[in-house]
């Protein structure tokens, strides 16, 4: 049996796990209006409409990442803590990628960001009238949140 002794051994084991089993984590945010519209973004580098979000930076919680990504991508300023609705494996990116889905009801609209190298467009859509270019994963997450289908395990 391998016995880990001392802080250096623990540090080395921790570094080994970071290298051999890295996991990436992202957030996607479902920001709803009072009349059941949802905020979606269109990126410059990939086609389709998506829930706003992005990667969780080192040292950042999923809630801090959600707050940052919403503000950067849409101008939305959170007023309360979003509700964690689930974690999803995202094998389209890598077998180690995961996405946290957060629902945001308590927010206010700050200034819309100007189109930039990442976000081409921000808009709100009725959840029952999503644009044709809405990605399949985004449609599934919205359907799950609306109770129209069972939650999946993969993004």
C-alpha atoms as a PDB file:
ATOM      1  CA  UNK A   1       0.000   0.000   0.000  1.00  0.00           C
ATOM      2  CA  UNK A   2       1.286   3.459  -0.962  1.00  0.00           C
ATOM      3  CA  UNK A   3       1.436   5.833   1.956  1.00  0.00           C
ATOM      4  CA  UNK A   4       1.582   9.574   1.285  1.00  0.00           C
ATOM      5  CA  UNK A   5       3.534  11.384   3.990  1.00  0.00           C
ATOM      6  CA  UNK A   6       4.109  15.082   4.447  1.00  0.00           C
ATOM      7  CA  UNK A   7       3.036  18.211   2.587  1.00  0.00           C
ATOM      8  CA  UNK A   8       5.539  17.778  -0.265  1.00  0.00           C
ATOM      9  CA  UNK A   9       4.240  14.315  -1.109  1.00  0.00           C
ATOM     10  CA  UNK A  10       0.701  15.630  -1.071  1.00  0.00           C
ATOM     11  CA  UNK A  11       1.700  18.536  -3.332  1.00  0.00           C
ATOM     12  CA  UNK A  12       3.434  16.182  -5.791  1.00  0.00           C
ATOM     13  CA  UNK A  13       0.402  13.893  -5.889  1.00  0.00           C
ATOM     14  CA  UNK A  14      -1.854  16.900  -6.471  1.00  0.00           C
ATOM     15  CA  UNK A  15       0.355  18.043  -9.390  1.00  0.00           C
ATOM     16  CA  UNK A  16       0.326  14.534 -10.834  1.00  0.00           C
ATOM     17  CA  UNK A  17      -3.502  14.510 -10.836  1.00  0.00           C
ATOM     18  CA  UNK A  18      -3.617  17.951 -12.483  1.00  0.00           C
ATOM     19  CA  UNK A  19      -1.401  16.727 -15.310  1.00  0.00           C
ATOM     20  CA  UNK A  20      -2.794  13.235 -15.732  1.00  0.00           C
ATOM     21  CA  UNK A  21      -6.489  13.963 -15.193  1.00  0.00           C
ATOM     22  CA  UNK A  22      -7.176  17.614 -16.036  1.00  0.00           C
ATOM     23  CA  UNK A  23     -10.800  18.649 -16.128  1.00  0.00           C
ATOM     24  CA  UNK A  24     -12.182  21.805 -17.670  1.00  0.00           C
ATOM     25  CA  UNK A  25     -15.253  23.531 -16.330  1.00  0.00           C
ATOM     26  CA  UNK A  26     -17.519  26.078 -17.926  1.00  0.00           C
ATOM     27  CA  UNK A  27     -20.783  27.808 -17.098  1.00  0.00           C
ATOM     28  CA  UNK A  28     -23.843  28.584 -19.183  1.00  0.00           C
ATOM     29  CA  UNK A  29     -26.483  30.955 -17.894  1.00  0.00           C
ATOM     30  CA  UNK A  30     -30.210  30.907 -18.583  1.00  0.00           C
ATOM     31  CA  UNK A  31     -31.301  34.493 -17.870  1.00  0.00           C
ATOM     32  CA  UNK A  32     -35.090  34.740 -18.089  1.00  0.00           C
ATOM     33  CA  UNK A  33     -37.251  37.856 -18.214  1.00  0.00           C
ATOM     34  CA  UNK A  34     -40.552  38.156 -16.330  1.00  0.00           C
ATOM     35  CA  UNK A  35     -42.430  37.439 -19.601  1.00  0.00           C
ATOM     36  CA  UNK A  36     -40.551  34.160 -20.308  1.00  0.00           C
ATOM     37  CA  UNK A  37     -37.967  35.439 -22.744  1.00  0.00           C
ATOM     38  CA  UNK A  38     -34.399  34.189 -22.575  1.00  0.00           C
ATOM     39  CA  UNK A  39     -31.112  35.897 -23.349  1.00  0.00           C
ATOM     40  CA  UNK A  40     -29.024  34.297 -26.093  1.00  0.00           C
ATOM     41  CA  UNK A  41     -25.738  35.280 -27.686  1.00  0.00           C
ATOM     42  CA  UNK A  42     -24.284  34.774 -31.132  1.00  0.00           C
ATOM     43  CA  UNK A  43     -20.506  34.328 -31.263  1.00  0.00           C
ATOM     44  CA  UNK A  44     -18.179  35.564 -33.978  1.00  0.00           C
ATOM     45  CA  UNK A  45     -16.216  32.309 -34.219  1.00  0.00           C
ATOM     46  CA  UNK A  46     -18.977  29.657 -34.344  1.00  0.00           C
ATOM     47  CA  UNK A  47     -22.450  29.599 -35.836  1.00  0.00           C
ATOM     48  CA  UNK A  48     -25.650  29.573 -33.848  1.00  0.00           C
ATOM     49  CA  UNK A  49     -27.309  31.120 -30.809  1.00  0.00           C
ATOM     50  CA  UNK A  50     -26.116  30.002 -27.378  1.00  0.00           C
ATOM     51  CA  UNK A  51     -26.801  30.583 -23.711  1.00  0.00           C
ATOM     52  CA  UNK A  52     -24.223  33.110 -22.505  1.00  0.00           C
ATOM     53  CA  UNK A  53     -21.288  31.713 -20.590  1.00  0.00           C
ATOM     54  CA  UNK A  54     -17.721  30.543 -20.762  1.00  0.00           C
ATOM     55  CA  UNK A  55     -14.866  29.016 -18.848  1.00  0.00           C
ATOM     56  CA  UNK A  56     -14.392  29.089 -15.108  1.00  0.00           C
ATOM     57  CA  UNK A  57     -11.038  30.737 -14.423  1.00  0.00           C
ATOM     58  CA  UNK A  58      -8.590  29.328 -11.841  1.00  0.00           C
ATOM     59  CA  UNK A  59      -9.621  30.380  -8.338  1.00  0.00           C
ATOM     60  CA  UNK A  60     -13.094  31.389  -9.511  1.00  0.00           C
ATOM     61  CA  UNK A  61     -16.370  29.781  -8.412  1.00  0.00           C
ATOM     62  CA  UNK A  62     -19.062  28.890 -10.927  1.00  0.00           C
ATOM     63  CA  UNK A  63     -21.112  31.775  -9.510  1.00  0.00           C
ATOM     64  CA  UNK A  64     -18.278  34.270 -10.002  1.00  0.00           C
ATOM     65  CA  UNK A  65     -17.739  32.965 -13.534  1.00  0.00           C
ATOM     66  CA  UNK A  66     -21.456  33.307 -14.300  1.00  0.00           C
ATOM     67  CA  UNK A  67     -21.497  36.869 -13.008  1.00  0.00           C
ATOM     68  CA  UNK A  68     -18.407  37.790 -15.041  1.00  0.00           C
ATOM     69  CA  UNK A  69     -19.512  36.079 -18.254  1.00  0.00           C
ATOM     70  CA  UNK A  70     -23.016  37.570 -18.150  1.00  0.00           C
ATOM     71  CA  UNK A  71     -21.641  41.070 -17.599  1.00  0.00           C
ATOM     72  CA  UNK A  72     -18.962  40.713 -20.306  1.00  0.00           C
ATOM     73  CA  UNK A  73     -21.151  39.061 -22.948  1.00  0.00           C
ATOM     74  CA  UNK A  74     -24.583  40.609 -22.373  1.00  0.00           C
ATOM     75  CA  UNK A  75     -24.366  43.523 -19.939  1.00  0.00           C
ATOM     76  CA  UNK A  76     -26.565  41.618 -17.474  1.00  0.00           C
ATOM     77  CA  UNK A  77     -25.754  42.409 -13.842  1.00  0.00           C
ATOM     78  CA  UNK A  78     -26.780  39.732 -11.345  1.00  0.00           C
ATOM     79  CA  UNK A  79     -28.713  40.953  -8.311  1.00  0.00           C
ATOM     80  CA  UNK A  80     -28.905  37.595  -6.558  1.00  0.00           C
ATOM     81  CA  UNK A  81     -27.292  34.180  -6.630  1.00  0.00           C
ATOM     82  CA  UNK A  82     -28.229  32.109  -9.673  1.00  0.00           C
ATOM     83  CA  UNK A  83     -29.730  28.660  -9.176  1.00  0.00           C
ATOM     84  CA  UNK A  84     -27.495  25.724 -10.077  1.00  0.00           C
ATOM     85  CA  UNK A  85     -29.588  23.372 -12.213  1.00  0.00           C
ATOM     86  CA  UNK A  86     -27.011  20.767 -13.115  1.00  0.00           C
ATOM     87  CA  UNK A  87     -23.613  19.686 -14.330  1.00  0.00           C
ATOM     88  CA  UNK A  88     -23.234  18.188 -17.783  1.00  0.00           C
ATOM     89  CA  UNK A  89     -20.419  16.295 -19.464  1.00  0.00           C
ATOM     90  CA  UNK A  90     -19.448  17.995 -22.710  1.00  0.00           C
ATOM     91  CA  UNK A  91     -17.736  15.328 -24.851  1.00  0.00           C
ATOM     92  CA  UNK A  92     -17.924  17.544 -27.959  1.00  0.00           C
ATOM     93  CA  UNK A  93     -15.119  19.653 -26.461  1.00  0.00           C
ATOM     94  CA  UNK A  94     -13.195  16.893 -24.657  1.00  0.00           C
ATOM     95  CA  UNK A  95     -13.924  13.876 -22.505  1.00  0.00           C
ATOM     96  CA  UNK A  96     -12.872  15.947 -19.473  1.00  0.00           C
ATOM     97  CA  UNK A  97     -15.018  19.022 -20.164  1.00  0.00           C
ATOM     98  CA  UNK A  98     -18.028  19.816 -17.981  1.00  0.00           C
ATOM     99  CA  UNK A  99     -20.596  22.605 -17.998  1.00  0.00           C
ATOM    100  CA  UNK A 100     -22.562  23.976 -15.046  1.00  0.00           C
ATOM    101  CA  UNK A 101     -26.017  25.288 -15.967  1.00  0.00           C
ATOM    102  CA  UNK A 102     -27.248  28.203 -13.858  1.00  0.00           C
ATOM    103  CA  UNK A 103     -30.680  29.845 -13.955  1.00  0.00           C
ATOM    104  CA  UNK A 104     -30.791  33.584 -13.393  1.00  0.00           C
ATOM    105  CA  UNK A 105     -34.048  35.309 -12.457  1.00  0.00           C
ATOM    106  CA  UNK A 106     -32.768  38.162 -10.281  1.00  0.00           C
ATOM    107  CA  UNK A 107     -30.817  40.510 -12.554  1.00  0.00           C
ATOM    108  CA  UNK A 108     -30.902  43.903 -14.212  1.00  0.00           C
ATOM    109  CA  UNK A 109     -29.823  44.948 -17.660  1.00  0.00           C
ATOM    110  CA  UNK A 110     -26.716  47.096 -17.656  1.00  0.00           C
ATOM    111  CA  UNK A 111     -25.283  48.685 -20.798  1.00  0.00           C
ATOM    112  CA  UNK A 112     -25.142  46.297 -23.725  1.00  0.00           C
ATOM    113  CA  UNK A 113     -21.548  45.555 -24.690  1.00  0.00           C
ATOM    114  CA  UNK A 114     -20.453  46.696 -28.120  1.00  0.00           C
ATOM    115  CA  UNK A 115     -19.921  43.925 -30.679  1.00  0.00           C
ATOM    116  CA  UNK A 116     -16.388  42.612 -30.227  1.00  0.00           C
ATOM    117  CA  UNK A 117     -14.095  39.774 -31.275  1.00  0.00           C
ATOM    118  CA  UNK A 118     -16.126  37.250 -29.257  1.00  0.00           C
ATOM    119  CA  UNK A 119     -19.791  38.301 -29.224  1.00  0.00           C
ATOM    120  CA  UNK A 120     -21.472  39.427 -32.435  1.00  0.00           C
ATOM    121  CA  UNK A 121     -24.989  39.857 -31.067  1.00  0.00           C
ATOM    122  CA  UNK A 122     -27.085  39.661 -27.890  1.00  0.00           C
ATOM    123  CA  UNK A 123     -30.855  39.323 -27.954  1.00  0.00           C
ATOM    124  CA  UNK A 124     -33.870  38.118 -25.994  1.00  0.00           C
ATOM    125  CA  UNK A 125     -36.298  35.587 -27.459  1.00  0.00           C
ATOM    126  CA  UNK A 126     -39.562  34.047 -26.263  1.00  0.00           C
ATOM    127  CA  UNK A 127     -38.717  30.528 -25.114  1.00  0.00           C
ATOM    128  CA  UNK A 128     -41.325  29.131 -27.501  1.00  0.00           C
ATOM    129  CA  UNK A 129     -39.990  31.129 -30.487  1.00  0.00           C
ATOM    130  CA  UNK A 130     -36.246  30.560 -30.546  1.00  0.00           C
ATOM    131  CA  UNK A 131     -34.351  31.555 -33.701  1.00  0.00           C
ATOM    132  CA  UNK A 132     -33.749  28.801 -36.237  1.00  0.00           C
ATOM    133  CA  UNK A 133     -29.992  28.984 -35.654  1.00  0.00           C
ATOM    134  CA  UNK A 134     -30.308  28.136 -31.932  1.00  0.00           C
ATOM    135  CA  UNK A 135     -28.001  25.224 -31.212  1.00  0.00           C
ATOM    136  CA  UNK A 136     -29.464  21.830 -30.345  1.00  0.00           C
ATOM    137  CA  UNK A 137     -27.827  21.851 -26.913  1.00  0.00           C
ATOM    138  CA  UNK A 138     -29.275  25.269 -26.134  1.00  0.00           C
ATOM    139  CA  UNK A 139     -32.739  24.134 -27.227  1.00  0.00           C
ATOM    140  CA  UNK A 140     -32.477  21.021 -25.035  1.00  0.00           C
ATOM    141  CA  UNK A 141     -31.399  22.991 -21.965  1.00  0.00           C
ATOM    142  CA  UNK A 142     -34.289  25.436 -22.390  1.00  0.00           C
ATOM    143  CA  UNK A 143     -36.756  22.551 -22.874  1.00  0.00           C
ATOM    144  CA  UNK A 144     -35.403  20.903 -19.705  1.00  0.00           C
ATOM    145  CA  UNK A 145     -35.743  24.131 -17.729  1.00  0.00           C
ATOM    146  CA  UNK A 146     -39.303  24.548 -18.948  1.00  0.00           C
ATOM    147  CA  UNK A 147     -40.182  20.968 -17.928  1.00  0.00           C
ATOM    148  CA  UNK A 148     -40.739  19.785 -21.498  1.00  0.00           C
ATOM    149  CA  UNK A 149     -38.231  16.938 -21.259  1.00  0.00           C
ATOM    150  CA  UNK A 150     -36.107  15.056 -18.752  1.00  0.00           C
ATOM    151  CA  UNK A 151     -32.675  16.500 -17.953  1.00  0.00           C
ATOM    152  CA  UNK A 152     -29.798  14.929 -19.858  1.00  0.00           C
ATOM    153  CA  UNK A 153     -26.357  14.058 -18.535  1.00  0.00           C
ATOM    154  CA  UNK A 154     -24.433  15.360 -21.536  1.00  0.00           C
ATOM    155  CA  UNK A 155     -24.426  18.850 -22.899  1.00  0.00           C
END
